[in-house]
Amino acid sequence: MTKSLNLIERQALELTVEERAKLAELLLDSVRSPIADVESAWAIEIENRVAAFDRGEMQAYPAEDVFAEARSLSH
């Protein structure tokens, strides 16, 4: 951890239980928002890809081929 993070951690541990709970909630909310944005963007991307596939605009590959290629790239 960085020095500033260590300092923040020490200061946070000096807070009351209620204050730490509020801080934890605020920190979690700050992480959840970007995650929700990413999930929303992926949902739109998935819908677009499915629609393109249904229109015949996107080529499909057998799962066995995809996994075999992924395995070969990981070695």
PDB file of N, CA and C in Angstrom:
ATOM      1  N   MET A   1       0.836  -1.189   0.000  1.00  0.00           N
ATOM      2  CA  MET A   1       0.000   0.000   0.000  1.00  0.00           C
ATOM      3  C   MET A   1       0.877   1.248   0.000  1.00  0.00           C
ATOM      4  N   THR A   2       0.336   2.290  -0.571  1.00  0.00           N
ATOM      5  CA  THR A   2       1.053   3.555  -0.561  1.00  0.00           C
ATOM      6  C   THR A   2       0.995   4.180   0.831  1.00  0.00           C
ATOM      7  N   LYS A   3       1.888   5.130   1.064  1.00  0.00           N
ATOM      8  CA  LYS A   3       1.916   5.795   2.370  1.00  0.00           C
ATOM      9  C   LYS A   3       0.592   6.508   2.638  1.00  0.00           C
ATOM     10  N   SER A   4       0.042   7.155   1.597  1.00  0.00           N
ATOM     11  CA  SER A   4      -1.215   7.872   1.816  1.00  0.00           C
ATOM     12  C   SER A   4      -2.354   6.910   2.122  1.00  0.00           C
ATOM     13  N   LEU A   5      -2.349   5.751   1.476  1.00  0.00           N
ATOM     14  CA  LEU A   5      -3.397   4.771   1.765  1.00  0.00           C
ATOM     15  C   LEU A   5      -3.251   4.225   3.175  1.00  0.00           C
ATOM     16  N   ASN A   6      -2.021   3.993   3.608  1.00  0.00           N
ATOM     17  CA  ASN A   6      -1.798   3.536   4.984  1.00  0.00           C
ATOM     18  C   ASN A   6      -2.287   4.570   5.982  1.00  0.00           C
ATOM     19  N   LEU A   7      -2.032   5.832   5.688  1.00  0.00           N
ATOM     20  CA  LEU A   7      -2.474   6.907   6.577  1.00  0.00           C
ATOM     21  C   LEU A   7      -3.995   6.953   6.649  1.00  0.00           C
ATOM     22  N   ILE A   8      -4.636   6.858   5.507  1.00  0.00           N
ATOM     23  CA  ILE A   8      -6.106   6.876   5.473  1.00  0.00           C
ATOM     24  C   ILE A   8      -6.669   5.694   6.251  1.00  0.00           C
ATOM     25  N   GLU A   9      -6.050   4.530   6.073  1.00  0.00           N
ATOM     26  CA  GLU A   9      -6.515   3.341   6.790  1.00  0.00           C
ATOM     27  C   GLU A   9      -6.408   3.541   8.301  1.00  0.00           C
ATOM     28  N   ARG A  10      -5.275   4.043   8.760  1.00  0.00           N
ATOM     29  CA  ARG A  10      -5.101   4.276  10.197  1.00  0.00           C
ATOM     30  C   ARG A  10      -6.132   5.272  10.720  1.00  0.00           C
ATOM     31  N   GLN A  11      -6.362   6.344   9.960  1.00  0.00           N
ATOM     32  CA  GLN A  11      -7.338   7.343  10.379  1.00  0.00           C
ATOM     33  C   GLN A  11      -8.752   6.763  10.381  1.00  0.00           C
ATOM     34  N   ALA A  12      -9.057   5.963   9.375  1.00  0.00           N
ATOM     35  CA  ALA A  12     -10.395   5.362   9.296  1.00  0.00           C
ATOM     36  C   ALA A  12     -10.651   4.443  10.481  1.00  0.00           C
ATOM     37  N   LEU A  13      -9.635   3.718  10.907  1.00  0.00           N
ATOM     38  CA  LEU A  13      -9.799   2.803  12.032  1.00  0.00           C
ATOM     39  C   LEU A  13      -9.994   3.536  13.355  1.00  0.00           C
ATOM     40  N   GLU A  14      -9.686   4.820  13.380  1.00  0.00           N
ATOM     41  CA  GLU A  14      -9.920   5.624  14.583  1.00  0.00           C
ATOM     42  C   GLU A  14     -11.357   6.142  14.654  1.00  0.00           C
ATOM     43  N   LEU A  15     -12.106   6.007  13.559  1.00  0.00           N
ATOM     44  CA  LEU A  15     -13.499   6.459  13.533  1.00  0.00           C
ATOM     45  C   LEU A  15     -14.371   5.539  14.375  1.00  0.00           C
ATOM     46  N   THR A  16     -15.547   6.032  14.743  1.00  0.00           N
ATOM     47  CA  THR A  16     -16.510   5.183  15.446  1.00  0.00           C
ATOM     48  C   THR A  16     -17.042   4.135  14.471  1.00  0.00           C
ATOM     49  N   VAL A  17     -17.679   3.133  15.005  1.00  0.00           N
ATOM     50  CA  VAL A  17     -18.252   2.083  14.169  1.00  0.00           C
ATOM     51  C   VAL A  17     -19.235   2.681  13.163  1.00  0.00           C
ATOM     52  N   GLU A  18     -20.065   3.602  13.620  1.00  0.00           N
ATOM     53  CA  GLU A  18     -21.051   4.234  12.749  1.00  0.00           C
ATOM     54  C   GLU A  18     -20.373   5.024  11.636  1.00  0.00           C
ATOM     55  N   GLU A  19     -19.322   5.743  11.976  1.00  0.00           N
ATOM     56  CA  GLU A  19     -18.596   6.529  10.973  1.00  0.00           C
ATOM     57  C   GLU A  19     -17.903   5.620   9.962  1.00  0.00           C
ATOM     58  N   ARG A  20     -17.334   4.514  10.439  1.00  0.00           N
ATOM     59  CA  ARG A  20     -16.695   3.564   9.524  1.00  0.00           C
ATOM     60  C   ARG A  20     -17.722   2.931   8.599  1.00  0.00           C
ATOM     61  N   ALA A  21     -18.900   2.618   9.130  1.00  0.00           N
ATOM     62  CA  ALA A  21     -19.957   2.043   8.300  1.00  0.00           C
ATOM     63  C   ALA A  21     -20.377   3.022   7.208  1.00  0.00           C
ATOM     64  N   LYS A  22     -20.516   4.299   7.569  1.00  0.00           N
ATOM     65  CA  LYS A  22     -20.887   5.323   6.589  1.00  0.00           C
ATOM     66  C   LYS A  22     -19.787   5.474   5.541  1.00  0.00           C
ATOM     67  N   LEU A  23     -18.535   5.492   5.978  1.00  0.00           N
ATOM     68  CA  LEU A  23     -17.412   5.589   5.050  1.00  0.00           C
ATOM     69  C   LEU A  23     -17.378   4.392   4.102  1.00  0.00           C
ATOM     70  N   ALA A  24     -17.591   3.206   4.643  1.00  0.00           N
ATOM     71  CA  ALA A  24     -17.610   1.999   3.817  1.00  0.00           C
ATOM     72  C   ALA A  24     -18.718   2.084   2.772  1.00  0.00           C
ATOM     73  N   GLU A  25     -19.868   2.555   3.185  1.00  0.00           N
ATOM     74  CA  GLU A  25     -20.994   2.708   2.262  1.00  0.00           C
ATOM     75  C   GLU A  25     -20.653   3.690   1.142  1.00  0.00           C
ATOM     76  N   LEU A  26     -20.058   4.818   1.502  1.00  0.00           N
ATOM     77  CA  LEU A  26     -19.672   5.820   0.501  1.00  0.00           C
ATOM     78  C   LEU A  26     -18.639   5.264  -0.478  1.00  0.00           C
ATOM     79  N   LEU A  27     -17.661   4.530   0.050  1.00  0.00           N
ATOM     80  CA  LEU A  27     -16.633   3.958  -0.815  1.00  0.00           C
ATOM     81  C   LEU A  27     -17.206   2.905  -1.751  1.00  0.00           C
ATOM     82  N   LEU A  28     -18.082   2.058  -1.222  1.00  0.00           N
ATOM     83  CA  LEU A  28     -18.707   1.043  -2.075  1.00  0.00           C
ATOM     84  C   LEU A  28     -19.567   1.674  -3.162  1.00  0.00           C
ATOM     85  N   ASP A  29     -20.301   2.721  -2.814  1.00  0.00           N
ATOM     86  CA  ASP A  29     -21.112   3.419  -3.808  1.00  0.00           C
ATOM     87  C   ASP A  29     -20.237   4.016  -4.908  1.00  0.00           C
ATOM     88  N   SER A  30     -19.052   4.489  -4.551  1.00  0.00           N
ATOM     89  CA  SER A  30     -18.165   5.079  -5.551  1.00  0.00           C
ATOM     90  C   SER A  30     -17.640   4.030  -6.528  1.00  0.00           C
ATOM     91  N   VAL A  31     -17.603   2.773  -6.114  1.00  0.00           N
ATOM     92  CA  VAL A  31     -17.158   1.687  -6.985  1.00  0.00           C
ATOM     93  C   VAL A  31     -18.327   1.130  -7.788  1.00  0.00           C
ATOM     94  N   ARG A  32     -19.478   1.052  -7.177  1.00  0.00           N
ATOM     95  CA  ARG A  32     -20.643   0.468  -7.848  1.00  0.00           C
ATOM     96  C   ARG A  32     -21.095   1.284  -9.048  1.00  0.00           C
ATOM     97  N   SER A  33     -21.022   2.585  -8.970  1.00  0.00           N
ATOM     98  CA  SER A  33     -21.494   3.430 -10.056  1.00  0.00           C
ATOM     99  C   SER A  33     -20.775   3.125 -11.365  1.00  0.00           C
ATOM    100  N   PRO A  34     -19.434   3.106 -11.376  1.00  0.00           N
ATOM    101  CA  PRO A  34     -18.759   2.755 -12.627  1.00  0.00           C
ATOM    102  C   PRO A  34     -19.085   1.334 -13.091  1.00  0.00           C
ATOM    103  N   ILE A  35     -19.236   0.428 -12.148  1.00  0.00           N
ATOM    104  CA  ILE A  35     -19.582  -0.947 -12.515  1.00  0.00           C
ATOM    105  C   ILE A  35     -20.944  -0.977 -13.190  1.00  0.00           C
ATOM    106  N   ALA A  36     -21.896  -0.244 -12.648  1.00  0.00           N
ATOM    107  CA  ALA A  36     -23.229  -0.187 -13.252  1.00  0.00           C
ATOM    108  C   ALA A  36     -23.155   0.395 -14.659  1.00  0.00           C
ATOM    109  N   ASP A  37     -22.310   1.409 -14.858  1.00  0.00           N
ATOM    110  CA  ASP A  37     -22.148   1.994 -16.187  1.00  0.00           C
ATOM    111  C   ASP A  37     -21.578   0.984 -17.172  1.00  0.00           C
ATOM    112  N   VAL A  38     -20.599   0.226 -16.723  1.00  0.00           N
ATOM    113  CA  VAL A  38     -19.990  -0.796 -17.577  1.00  0.00           C
ATOM    114  C   VAL A  38     -21.008  -1.885 -17.905  1.00  0.00           C
ATOM    115  N   GLU A  39     -21.757  -2.336 -16.905  1.00  0.00           N
ATOM    116  CA  GLU A  39     -22.769  -3.370 -17.139  1.00  0.00           C
ATOM    117  C   GLU A  39     -23.829  -2.883 -18.117  1.00  0.00           C
ATOM    118  N   SER A  40     -24.227  -1.640 -17.989  1.00  0.00           N
ATOM    119  CA  SER A  40     -25.209  -1.065 -18.903  1.00  0.00           C
ATOM    120  C   SER A  40     -24.662  -1.020 -20.326  1.00  0.00           C
ATOM    121  N   ALA A  41     -23.417  -0.594 -20.470  1.00  0.00           N
ATOM    122  CA  ALA A  41     -22.794  -0.537 -21.800  1.00  0.00           C
ATOM    123  C   ALA A  41     -22.693  -1.927 -22.413  1.00  0.00           C
ATOM    124  N   TRP A  42     -22.347  -2.932 -21.594  1.00  0.00           N
ATOM    125  CA  TRP A  42     -22.269  -4.296 -22.100  1.00  0.00           C
ATOM    126  C   TRP A  42     -23.645  -4.820 -22.510  1.00  0.00           C
ATOM    127  N   ALA A  43     -24.670  -4.472 -21.758  1.00  0.00           N
ATOM    128  CA  ALA A  43     -26.028  -4.911 -22.116  1.00  0.00           C
ATOM    129  C   ALA A  43     -26.412  -4.370 -23.487  1.00  0.00           C
ATOM    130  N   ILE A  44     -26.092  -3.125 -23.751  1.00  0.00           N
ATOM    131  CA  ILE A  44     -26.380  -2.521 -25.060  1.00  0.00           C
ATOM    132  C   ILE A  44     -25.565  -3.211 -26.145  1.00  0.00           C
ATOM    133  N   GLU A  45     -24.282  -3.454 -25.867  1.00  0.00           N
ATOM    134  CA  GLU A  45     -23.423  -4.127 -26.837  1.00  0.00           C
ATOM    135  C   GLU A  45     -23.937  -5.521 -27.157  1.00  0.00           C
ATOM    136  N   ILE A  46     -24.378  -6.241 -26.149  1.00  0.00           N
ATOM    137  CA  ILE A  46     -24.921  -7.593 -26.360  1.00  0.00           C
ATOM    138  C   ILE A  46     -26.163  -7.535 -27.241  1.00  0.00           C
ATOM    139  N   GLU A  47     -27.065  -6.598 -26.945  1.00  0.00           N
ATOM    140  CA  GLU A  47     -28.267  -6.450 -27.769  1.00  0.00           C
ATOM    141  C   GLU A  47     -27.906  -6.144 -29.216  1.00  0.00           C
ATOM    142  N   ASN A  48     -26.925  -5.269 -29.426  1.00  0.00           N
ATOM    143  CA  ASN A  48     -26.506  -4.925 -30.781  1.00  0.00           C
ATOM    144  C   ASN A  48     -25.904  -6.115 -31.504  1.00  0.00           C
ATOM    145  N   ARG A  49     -25.092  -6.890 -30.806  1.00  0.00           N
ATOM    146  CA  ARG A  49     -24.469  -8.061 -31.430  1.00  0.00           C
ATOM    147  C   ARG A  49     -25.500  -9.137 -31.765  1.00  0.00           C
ATOM    148  N   VAL A  50     -26.451  -9.364 -30.869  1.00  0.00           N
ATOM    149  CA  VAL A  50     -27.503 -10.350 -31.139  1.00  0.00           C
ATOM    150  C   VAL A  50     -28.330  -9.915 -32.343  1.00  0.00           C
ATOM    151  N   ALA A  51     -28.674  -8.638 -32.399  1.00  0.00           N
ATOM    152  CA  ALA A  51     -29.448  -8.127 -33.529  1.00  0.00           C
ATOM    153  C   ALA A  51     -28.663  -8.275 -34.823  1.00  0.00           C
ATOM    154  N   ALA A  52     -27.370  -7.976 -34.813  1.00  0.00           N
ATOM    155  CA  ALA A  52     -26.540  -8.125 -36.010  1.00  0.00           C
ATOM    156  C   ALA A  52     -26.462  -9.586 -36.422  1.00  0.00           C
ATOM    157  N   PHE A  53     -26.348 -10.495 -35.463  1.00  0.00           N
ATOM    158  CA  PHE A  53     -26.334 -11.919 -35.768  1.00  0.00           C
ATOM    159  C   PHE A  53     -27.658 -12.350 -36.390  1.00  0.00           C
ATOM    160  N   ASP A  54     -28.765 -11.903 -35.794  1.00  0.00           N
ATOM    161  CA  ASP A  54     -30.090 -12.253 -36.311  1.00  0.00           C
ATOM    162  C   ASP A  54     -30.292 -11.747 -37.733  1.00  0.00           C
ATOM    163  N   ARG A  55     -29.679 -10.615 -38.089  1.00  0.00           N
ATOM    164  CA  ARG A  55     -29.790 -10.066 -39.441  1.00  0.00           C
ATOM    165  C   ARG A  55     -28.805 -10.710 -40.398  1.00  0.00           C
ATOM    166  N   GLY A  56     -27.977 -11.606 -39.894  1.00  0.00           N
ATOM    167  CA  GLY A  56     -26.991 -12.271 -40.733  1.00  0.00           C
ATOM    168  C   GLY A  56     -25.755 -11.429 -41.004  1.00  0.00           C
ATOM    169  N   GLU A  57     -25.535 -10.425 -40.208  1.00  0.00           N
ATOM    170  CA  GLU A  57     -24.404  -9.517 -40.406  1.00  0.00           C
ATOM    171  C   GLU A  57     -23.166  -9.919 -39.606  1.00  0.00           C
ATOM    172  N   MET A  58     -23.299 -10.952 -38.795  1.00  0.00           N
ATOM    173  CA  MET A  58     -22.185 -11.350 -37.939  1.00  0.00           C
ATOM    174  C   MET A  58     -21.964 -12.847 -38.089  1.00  0.00           C
ATOM    175  N   GLN A  59     -20.710 -13.217 -38.288  1.00  0.00           N
ATOM    176  CA  GLN A  59     -20.368 -14.625 -38.450  1.00  0.00           C
ATOM    177  C   GLN A  59     -20.277 -15.292 -37.077  1.00  0.00           C
ATOM    178  N   ALA A  60     -20.723 -16.519 -36.998  1.00  0.00           N
ATOM    179  CA  ALA A  60     -20.626 -17.288 -35.757  1.00  0.00           C
ATOM    180  C   ALA A  60     -19.537 -18.343 -35.905  1.00  0.00           C
ATOM    181  N   TYR A  61     -18.917 -18.675 -34.783  1.00  0.00           N
ATOM    182  CA  TYR A  61     -17.873 -19.691 -34.758  1.00  0.00           C
ATOM    183  C   TYR A  61     -18.253 -20.756 -33.746  1.00  0.00           C
ATOM    184  N   PRO A  62     -18.004 -22.035 -34.061  1.00  0.00           N
ATOM    185  CA  PRO A  62     -18.304 -23.093 -33.101  1.00  0.00           C
ATOM    186  C   PRO A  62     -17.504 -22.883 -31.810  1.00  0.00           C
ATOM    187  N   ALA A  63     -18.145 -23.116 -30.683  1.00  0.00           N
ATOM    188  CA  ALA A  63     -17.502 -22.923 -29.383  1.00  0.00           C
ATOM    189  C   ALA A  63     -16.232 -23.755 -29.264  1.00  0.00           C
ATOM    190  N   GLU A  64     -16.240 -24.972 -29.809  1.00  0.00           N
ATOM    191  CA  GLU A  64     -15.051 -25.831 -29.716  1.00  0.00           C
ATOM    192  C   GLU A  64     -13.849 -25.149 -30.368  1.00  0.00           C
ATOM    193  N   ASP A  65     -14.067 -24.475 -31.519  1.00  0.00           N
ATOM    194  CA  ASP A  65     -12.975 -23.786 -32.205  1.00  0.00           C
ATOM    195  C   ASP A  65     -12.462 -22.606 -31.391  1.00  0.00           C
ATOM    196  N   VAL A  66     -13.378 -21.861 -30.806  1.00  0.00           N
ATOM    197  CA  VAL A  66     -12.999 -20.700 -30.005  1.00  0.00           C
ATOM    198  C   VAL A  66     -12.168 -21.135 -28.799  1.00  0.00           C
ATOM    199  N   PHE A  67     -12.642 -22.165 -28.094  1.00  0.00           N
ATOM    200  CA  PHE A  67     -11.916 -22.644 -26.917  1.00  0.00           C
ATOM    201  C   PHE A  67     -10.568 -23.238 -27.291  1.00  0.00           C
ATOM    202  N   ALA A  68     -10.511 -23.957 -28.410  1.00  0.00           N
ATOM    203  CA  ALA A  68      -9.238 -24.534 -28.853  1.00  0.00           C
ATOM    204  C   ALA A  68      -8.231 -23.432 -29.165  1.00  0.00           C
ATOM    205  N   GLU A  69      -8.683 -22.378 -29.822  1.00  0.00           N
ATOM    206  CA  GLU A  69      -7.774 -21.269 -30.121  1.00  0.00           C
ATOM    207  C   GLU A  69      -7.321 -20.573 -28.839  1.00  0.00           C
ATOM    208  N   ALA A  70      -8.246 -20.380 -27.892  1.00  0.00           N
ATOM    209  CA  ALA A  70      -7.894 -19.744 -26.621  1.00  0.00           C
ATOM    210  C   ALA A  70      -6.857 -20.591 -25.876  1.00  0.00           C
ATOM    211  N   ARG A  71      -7.034 -21.888 -25.892  1.00  0.00           N
ATOM    212  CA  ARG A  71      -6.073 -22.773 -25.222  1.00  0.00           C
ATOM    213  C   ARG A  71      -4.708 -22.664 -25.883  1.00  0.00           C
ATOM    214  N   SER A  72      -4.684 -22.613 -27.208  1.00  0.00           N
ATOM    215  CA  SER A  72      -3.394 -22.559 -27.910  1.00  0.00           C
ATOM    216  C   SER A  72      -2.686 -21.230 -27.641  1.00  0.00           C
ATOM    217  N   LEU A  73      -3.434 -20.161 -27.435  1.00  0.00           N
ATOM    218  CA  LEU A  73      -2.830 -18.850 -27.171  1.00  0.00           C
ATOM    219  C   LEU A  73      -2.304 -18.746 -25.750  1.00  0.00           C
ATOM    220  N   SER A  74      -2.869 -19.545 -24.835  1.00  0.00           N
ATOM    221  CA  SER A  74      -2.461 -19.452 -23.431  1.00  0.00           C
ATOM    222  C   SER A  74      -1.208 -20.249 -23.135  1.00  0.00           C
ATOM    223  N   HIS A  75      -0.719 -21.001 -24.093  1.00  0.00           N
ATOM    224  CA  HIS A  75       0.497 -21.820 -23.836  1.00  0.00           C
ATOM    225  C   HIS A  75       1.705 -21.199 -24.432  1.00  0.00           C
TER     226      HIS A  75
END
